[in-house]
Amino acid sequence: MIRLDERFSTYLNGTKTFLIDDVRQKVRGYGYRCDGSSIIGYYVITDDWRLNYDNNEQLVFKEEI
């Protein structure tokens, strides 16, 4: 399982950002995605986007907030 706190806590508390479409995005939150019975991936919420990843850490889709 991907340890989200280890991976993204520095983004929440520091100056690290995501670069999405040539725009710097601050991470606002993250969590796991499930299908009702198992974890199917995780999401990362930035200033303008919700990025949805699978368990192989591949971007599945992004949706504008």
Protein backbone atom coordinates (compact mmCIF):
# COMPACT_ATOMS: atom_id res chain seq x y z
CA MET A 1 0.00 0.00 0.00
CA ILE A 2 1.19 3.50 -0.79
CA ARG A 3 1.96 5.52 2.33
CA LEU A 4 0.36 8.83 1.49
CA ASP A 5 1.54 10.69 4.59
CA GLU A 6 5.17 9.86 3.82
CA ARG A 7 4.74 10.90 0.22
CA PHE A 8 2.62 14.07 0.48
CA SER A 9 3.01 15.58 3.95
CA THR A 10 5.93 17.72 2.75
CA TYR A 11 3.64 19.12 0.07
CA LEU A 12 1.06 20.16 2.68
CA ASN A 13 3.52 21.69 5.12
CA GLY A 14 6.29 22.94 2.86
CA THR A 15 6.94 24.78 -0.33
CA LYS A 16 6.74 21.79 -2.70
CA THR A 17 4.10 22.08 -5.42
CA PHE A 18 2.75 20.10 -8.35
CA LEU A 19 3.31 21.44 -11.85
CA ILE A 20 0.11 20.90 -13.83
CA ASP A 21 -0.24 22.37 -17.31
CA ASP A 22 2.68 24.75 -16.59
CA VAL A 23 0.94 26.12 -13.46
CA ARG A 24 2.25 25.55 -9.92
CA GLN A 25 -0.44 23.96 -7.73
CA LYS A 26 -0.28 23.70 -3.93
CA VAL A 27 -1.51 20.39 -2.49
CA ARG A 28 -4.57 20.90 -0.26
CA GLY A 29 -5.34 17.29 0.65
CA TYR A 30 -5.10 13.63 -0.31
CA GLY A 31 -6.71 10.31 0.49
CA TYR A 32 -7.48 6.81 -0.67
CA ARG A 33 -10.05 5.84 -3.30
CA CYS A 34 -12.17 2.73 -2.79
CA ASP A 35 -14.86 0.83 -4.68
CA GLY A 36 -16.79 -0.14 -1.55
CA SER A 37 -14.78 -3.23 -0.75
CA SER A 38 -11.12 -2.46 -1.50
CA ILE A 39 -8.71 0.40 -2.07
CA ILE A 40 -8.39 1.08 -5.80
CA GLY A 41 -5.99 4.03 -5.62
CA TYR A 42 -5.63 7.48 -4.15
CA TYR A 43 -6.37 11.11 -4.93
CA VAL A 44 -4.53 14.39 -4.49
CA ILE A 45 -6.41 17.69 -4.28
CA THR A 46 -4.59 20.81 -5.45
CA ASP A 47 -5.75 24.42 -5.77
CA ASP A 48 -7.64 23.69 -9.00
CA TRP A 49 -7.60 19.91 -9.58
CA ARG A 50 -8.44 16.53 -8.09
CA LEU A 51 -5.90 14.05 -9.45
CA ASN A 52 -6.99 10.40 -9.28
CA TYR A 53 -4.32 7.68 -9.32
CA ASP A 54 -4.49 3.88 -9.37
CA ASN A 55 -2.52 1.56 -7.08
CA ASN A 56 0.36 1.57 -9.59
CA GLU A 57 0.70 5.34 -9.08
CA GLN A 58 -0.50 6.08 -12.61
CA LEU A 59 -2.80 9.04 -13.20
CA VAL A 60 -6.24 7.67 -14.10
CA PHE A 61 -8.03 10.99 -14.60
CA LYS A 62 -8.07 14.54 -13.32
CA GLU A 63 -11.10 16.68 -12.67
CA GLU A 64 -11.25 20.42 -12.29
CA ILE A 65 -12.52 21.70 -8.96
